[in-house]
């Protein structure tokens, strides 16, 4: 069975690591609960520039493939196996959401696009972006915010 796109990487990541990533996002959101809108704006801009795990994998794969092609062309033809292996890894990741580099990137803190967007949406709720649509001034807890944008 092929997992949903938004769940591919978390399903193939140790739960303790997924929990660490969630907890770190909650702590960042908590820091901005009473921050002025300008600080939230700066954090949102940082999130817009953050590389998600897919982008990191693509950049890594392209770099390693190009290096393998260059080495294969100028050093030894056996290096052509490198881009072939990278292609297999990318296909595996596209289908299952896992390939060998994923574990390392997750340990380094790379998040999925959805995980980044959950933090973004929580910050927008704090900033009051959705208040006109929901008609309430109540401030939910950070955990409630993160649960709301997670679902």
C-alpha atoms as a PDB file:
ATOM      1  CA  UNK A   1       0.000   0.000   0.000  1.00  0.00           C
ATOM      2  CA  UNK A   2       1.296   3.437  -0.935  1.00  0.00           C
ATOM      3  CA  UNK A   3       0.911   5.982   1.903  1.00  0.00           C
ATOM      4  CA  UNK A   4      -0.661   9.413   1.399  1.00  0.00           C
ATOM      5  CA  UNK A   5       1.811  12.043   0.222  1.00  0.00           C
ATOM      6  CA  UNK A   6       1.537  14.059   3.437  1.00  0.00           C
ATOM      7  CA  UNK A   7       2.217  10.956   5.557  1.00  0.00           C
ATOM      8  CA  UNK A   8       5.003   9.247   3.585  1.00  0.00           C
ATOM      9  CA  UNK A   9       7.958  10.647   5.506  1.00  0.00           C
ATOM     10  CA  UNK A  10       6.468  10.611   9.040  1.00  0.00           C
ATOM     11  CA  UNK A  11       5.342   7.000   8.563  1.00  0.00           C
ATOM     12  CA  UNK A  12       8.942   6.020   7.829  1.00  0.00           C
ATOM     13  CA  UNK A  13      10.457   8.062  10.642  1.00  0.00           C
ATOM     14  CA  UNK A  14      10.899   6.771  14.185  1.00  0.00           C
ATOM     15  CA  UNK A  15       8.017   8.010  16.346  1.00  0.00           C
ATOM     16  CA  UNK A  16      10.450   9.489  18.881  1.00  0.00           C
ATOM     17  CA  UNK A  17      11.934  11.618  16.110  1.00  0.00           C
ATOM     18  CA  UNK A  18       8.505  12.692  14.848  1.00  0.00           C
ATOM     19  CA  UNK A  19       7.612  13.634  18.426  1.00  0.00           C
ATOM     20  CA  UNK A  20      10.823  15.655  18.810  1.00  0.00           C
ATOM     21  CA  UNK A  21      10.031  17.573  15.622  1.00  0.00           C
ATOM     22  CA  UNK A  22       6.458  18.254  16.841  1.00  0.00           C
ATOM     23  CA  UNK A  23       7.660  19.321  20.283  1.00  0.00           C
ATOM     24  CA  UNK A  24      10.236  21.727  18.814  1.00  0.00           C
ATOM     25  CA  UNK A  25       7.527  23.287  16.628  1.00  0.00           C
ATOM     26  CA  UNK A  26       5.268  23.695  19.666  1.00  0.00           C
ATOM     27  CA  UNK A  27       8.072  25.397  21.585  1.00  0.00           C
ATOM     28  CA  UNK A  28       8.683  27.804  18.688  1.00  0.00           C
ATOM     29  CA  UNK A  29       4.971  28.617  18.463  1.00  0.00           C
ATOM     30  CA  UNK A  30       4.824  29.120  22.230  1.00  0.00           C
ATOM     31  CA  UNK A  31       7.603  31.739  21.981  1.00  0.00           C
ATOM     32  CA  UNK A  32       5.401  33.831  19.679  1.00  0.00           C
ATOM     33  CA  UNK A  33       2.116  33.616  21.636  1.00  0.00           C
ATOM     34  CA  UNK A  34       2.523  37.134  23.009  1.00  0.00           C
ATOM     35  CA  UNK A  35       4.940  38.533  20.438  1.00  0.00           C
ATOM     36  CA  UNK A  36       4.141  41.651  18.440  1.00  0.00           C
ATOM     37  CA  UNK A  37       2.902  41.045  14.885  1.00  0.00           C
ATOM     38  CA  UNK A  38       6.239  42.194  13.412  1.00  0.00           C
ATOM     39  CA  UNK A  39       8.088  39.346  15.143  1.00  0.00           C
ATOM     40  CA  UNK A  40       5.512  36.850  13.919  1.00  0.00           C
ATOM     41  CA  UNK A  41       5.909  38.324  10.418  1.00  0.00           C
ATOM     42  CA  UNK A  42       9.682  37.725  10.629  1.00  0.00           C
ATOM     43  CA  UNK A  43       9.154  34.116  11.730  1.00  0.00           C
ATOM     44  CA  UNK A  44       6.661  33.541   8.906  1.00  0.00           C
ATOM     45  CA  UNK A  45       9.249  34.869   6.443  1.00  0.00           C
ATOM     46  CA  UNK A  46      11.796  32.425   7.902  1.00  0.00           C
ATOM     47  CA  UNK A  47       9.330  29.578   7.421  1.00  0.00           C
ATOM     48  CA  UNK A  48       8.853  30.628   3.790  1.00  0.00           C
ATOM     49  CA  UNK A  49      12.614  30.228   3.287  1.00  0.00           C
ATOM     50  CA  UNK A  50      12.953  26.950   5.224  1.00  0.00           C
ATOM     51  CA  UNK A  51      13.924  23.982   3.084  1.00  0.00           C
ATOM     52  CA  UNK A  52      11.619  21.031   3.547  1.00  0.00           C
ATOM     53  CA  UNK A  53      12.939  17.487   3.396  1.00  0.00           C
ATOM     54  CA  UNK A  54      11.806  17.027  -0.218  1.00  0.00           C
ATOM     55  CA  UNK A  55      13.848  20.016  -1.381  1.00  0.00           C
ATOM     56  CA  UNK A  56      16.887  18.855   0.577  1.00  0.00           C
ATOM     57  CA  UNK A  57      16.613  15.356  -0.920  1.00  0.00           C
ATOM     58  CA  UNK A  58      16.243  16.755  -4.445  1.00  0.00           C
ATOM     59  CA  UNK A  59      19.273  19.033  -4.057  1.00  0.00           C
ATOM     60  CA  UNK A  60      21.342  16.215  -2.567  1.00  0.00           C
ATOM     61  CA  UNK A  61      20.291  13.767  -5.290  1.00  0.00           C
ATOM     62  CA  UNK A  62      21.068  16.233  -8.062  1.00  0.00           C
ATOM     63  CA  UNK A  63      24.493  17.035  -6.589  1.00  0.00           C
ATOM     64  CA  UNK A  64      25.467  13.393  -6.091  1.00  0.00           C
ATOM     65  CA  UNK A  65      24.145  12.440  -9.558  1.00  0.00           C
ATOM     66  CA  UNK A  66      26.083  15.213 -11.272  1.00  0.00           C
ATOM     67  CA  UNK A  67      29.235  14.267  -9.378  1.00  0.00           C
ATOM     68  CA  UNK A  68      28.745  10.617 -10.380  1.00  0.00           C
ATOM     69  CA  UNK A  69      28.229  11.573 -14.016  1.00  0.00           C
ATOM     70  CA  UNK A  70      31.346  13.759 -14.024  1.00  0.00           C
ATOM     71  CA  UNK A  71      33.427  11.068 -12.330  1.00  0.00           C
ATOM     72  CA  UNK A  72      32.051   8.463 -14.734  1.00  0.00           C
ATOM     73  CA  UNK A  73      32.901  10.610 -17.750  1.00  0.00           C
ATOM     74  CA  UNK A  74      36.372  11.741 -16.644  1.00  0.00           C
ATOM     75  CA  UNK A  75      37.697   9.216 -14.116  1.00  0.00           C
ATOM     76  CA  UNK A  76      36.168   5.753 -14.383  1.00  0.00           C
ATOM     77  CA  UNK A  77      32.992   4.454 -16.005  1.00  0.00           C
ATOM     78  CA  UNK A  78      32.150   2.544 -12.820  1.00  0.00           C
ATOM     79  CA  UNK A  79      31.108   5.872 -11.275  1.00  0.00           C
ATOM     80  CA  UNK A  80      28.036   5.822 -13.556  1.00  0.00           C
ATOM     81  CA  UNK A  81      26.578   3.456 -10.939  1.00  0.00           C
ATOM     82  CA  UNK A  82      26.244   6.431  -8.567  1.00  0.00           C
ATOM     83  CA  UNK A  83      23.516   8.281 -10.522  1.00  0.00           C
ATOM     84  CA  UNK A  84      21.776   4.942 -11.124  1.00  0.00           C
ATOM     85  CA  UNK A  85      21.667   4.272  -7.372  1.00  0.00           C
ATOM     86  CA  UNK A  86      20.480   7.824  -6.673  1.00  0.00           C
ATOM     87  CA  UNK A  87      17.674   7.365  -9.216  1.00  0.00           C
ATOM     88  CA  UNK A  88      16.595   4.182  -7.458  1.00  0.00           C
ATOM     89  CA  UNK A  89      16.585   5.992  -4.114  1.00  0.00           C
ATOM     90  CA  UNK A  90      14.465   8.812  -5.552  1.00  0.00           C
ATOM     91  CA  UNK A  91      11.970   6.364  -7.002  1.00  0.00           C
ATOM     92  CA  UNK A  92      11.806   4.511  -3.692  1.00  0.00           C
ATOM     93  CA  UNK A  93      11.204   7.803  -1.883  1.00  0.00           C
ATOM     94  CA  UNK A  94       8.522   8.889  -4.359  1.00  0.00           C
ATOM     95  CA  UNK A  95       6.616   5.643  -3.847  1.00  0.00           C
ATOM     96  CA  UNK A  96       7.192   4.863  -0.176  1.00  0.00           C
ATOM     97  CA  UNK A  97       8.424   8.103   1.381  1.00  0.00           C
ATOM     98  CA  UNK A  98      11.665   6.527   2.499  1.00  0.00           C
ATOM     99  CA  UNK A  99      15.181   6.223   1.173  1.00  0.00           C
ATOM    100  CA  UNK A 100      18.493   6.011   3.043  1.00  0.00           C
ATOM    101  CA  UNK A 101      19.111   9.786   3.358  1.00  0.00           C
ATOM    102  CA  UNK A 102      15.665  10.455   4.894  1.00  0.00           C
ATOM    103  CA  UNK A 103      16.660   9.191   8.338  1.00  0.00           C
ATOM    104  CA  UNK A 104      19.699  11.456   8.433  1.00  0.00           C
ATOM    105  CA  UNK A 105      17.795  14.502   7.251  1.00  0.00           C
ATOM    106  CA  UNK A 106      15.075  13.936   9.840  1.00  0.00           C
ATOM    107  CA  UNK A 107      17.710  13.664  12.587  1.00  0.00           C
ATOM    108  CA  UNK A 108      19.104  16.976  11.348  1.00  0.00           C
ATOM    109  CA  UNK A 109      15.642  18.490  11.810  1.00  0.00           C
ATOM    110  CA  UNK A 110      14.392  18.687   8.237  1.00  0.00           C
ATOM    111  CA  UNK A 111      10.614  18.783   8.265  1.00  0.00           C
ATOM    112  CA  UNK A 112       7.981  17.945   5.719  1.00  0.00           C
ATOM    113  CA  UNK A 113       6.130  20.729   3.950  1.00  0.00           C
ATOM    114  CA  UNK A 114       3.063  19.874   6.032  1.00  0.00           C
ATOM    115  CA  UNK A 115       4.994  20.143   9.312  1.00  0.00           C
ATOM    116  CA  UNK A 116       6.309  23.561   8.301  1.00  0.00           C
ATOM    117  CA  UNK A 117       2.821  24.643   7.252  1.00  0.00           C
ATOM    118  CA  UNK A 118       1.352  23.547  10.603  1.00  0.00           C
ATOM    119  CA  UNK A 119       3.701  25.952  12.385  1.00  0.00           C
ATOM    120  CA  UNK A 120       2.868  28.662   9.839  1.00  0.00           C
ATOM    121  CA  UNK A 121      -0.884  28.256  10.375  1.00  0.00           C
ATOM    122  CA  UNK A 122      -0.534  28.266  14.182  1.00  0.00           C
ATOM    123  CA  UNK A 123       1.394  31.542  13.979  1.00  0.00           C
ATOM    124  CA  UNK A 124      -1.279  33.036  11.716  1.00  0.00           C
ATOM    125  CA  UNK A 125      -3.948  32.060  14.237  1.00  0.00           C
ATOM    126  CA  UNK A 126      -1.955  33.781  17.007  1.00  0.00           C
ATOM    127  CA  UNK A 127      -1.506  36.853  14.829  1.00  0.00           C
ATOM    128  CA  UNK A 128      -5.280  36.923  14.365  1.00  0.00           C
ATOM    129  CA  UNK A 129      -5.435  36.263  10.633  1.00  0.00           C
ATOM    130  CA  UNK A 130      -8.498  34.037  10.981  1.00  0.00           C
ATOM    131  CA  UNK A 131     -10.343  35.943  13.691  1.00  0.00           C
ATOM    132  CA  UNK A 132     -12.694  37.641  11.208  1.00  0.00           C
ATOM    133  CA  UNK A 133     -13.660  34.225   9.866  1.00  0.00           C
ATOM    134  CA  UNK A 134     -14.268  32.441  13.149  1.00  0.00           C
ATOM    135  CA  UNK A 135     -15.729  35.350  15.119  1.00  0.00           C
ATOM    136  CA  UNK A 136     -13.962  34.657  18.400  1.00  0.00           C
ATOM    137  CA  UNK A 137     -11.324  36.361  20.479  1.00  0.00           C
ATOM    138  CA  UNK A 138     -10.514  33.229  22.503  1.00  0.00           C
ATOM    139  CA  UNK A 139      -6.869  32.135  22.436  1.00  0.00           C
ATOM    140  CA  UNK A 140      -6.556  28.340  22.413  1.00  0.00           C
ATOM    141  CA  UNK A 141      -3.563  26.686  24.055  1.00  0.00           C
ATOM    142  CA  UNK A 142      -0.482  25.974  21.954  1.00  0.00           C
ATOM    143  CA  UNK A 143      -1.278  22.248  21.975  1.00  0.00           C
ATOM    144  CA  UNK A 144      -4.848  23.004  20.781  1.00  0.00           C
ATOM    145  CA  UNK A 145      -3.434  25.261  18.043  1.00  0.00           C
ATOM    146  CA  UNK A 146      -1.040  22.597  16.818  1.00  0.00           C
ATOM    147  CA  UNK A 147      -3.747  19.904  16.989  1.00  0.00           C
ATOM    148  CA  UNK A 148      -6.143  22.102  15.009  1.00  0.00           C
ATOM    149  CA  UNK A 149      -3.711  22.739  12.186  1.00  0.00           C
ATOM    150  CA  UNK A 150      -2.530  19.112  12.245  1.00  0.00           C
ATOM    151  CA  UNK A 151      -6.023  17.762  11.535  1.00  0.00           C
END
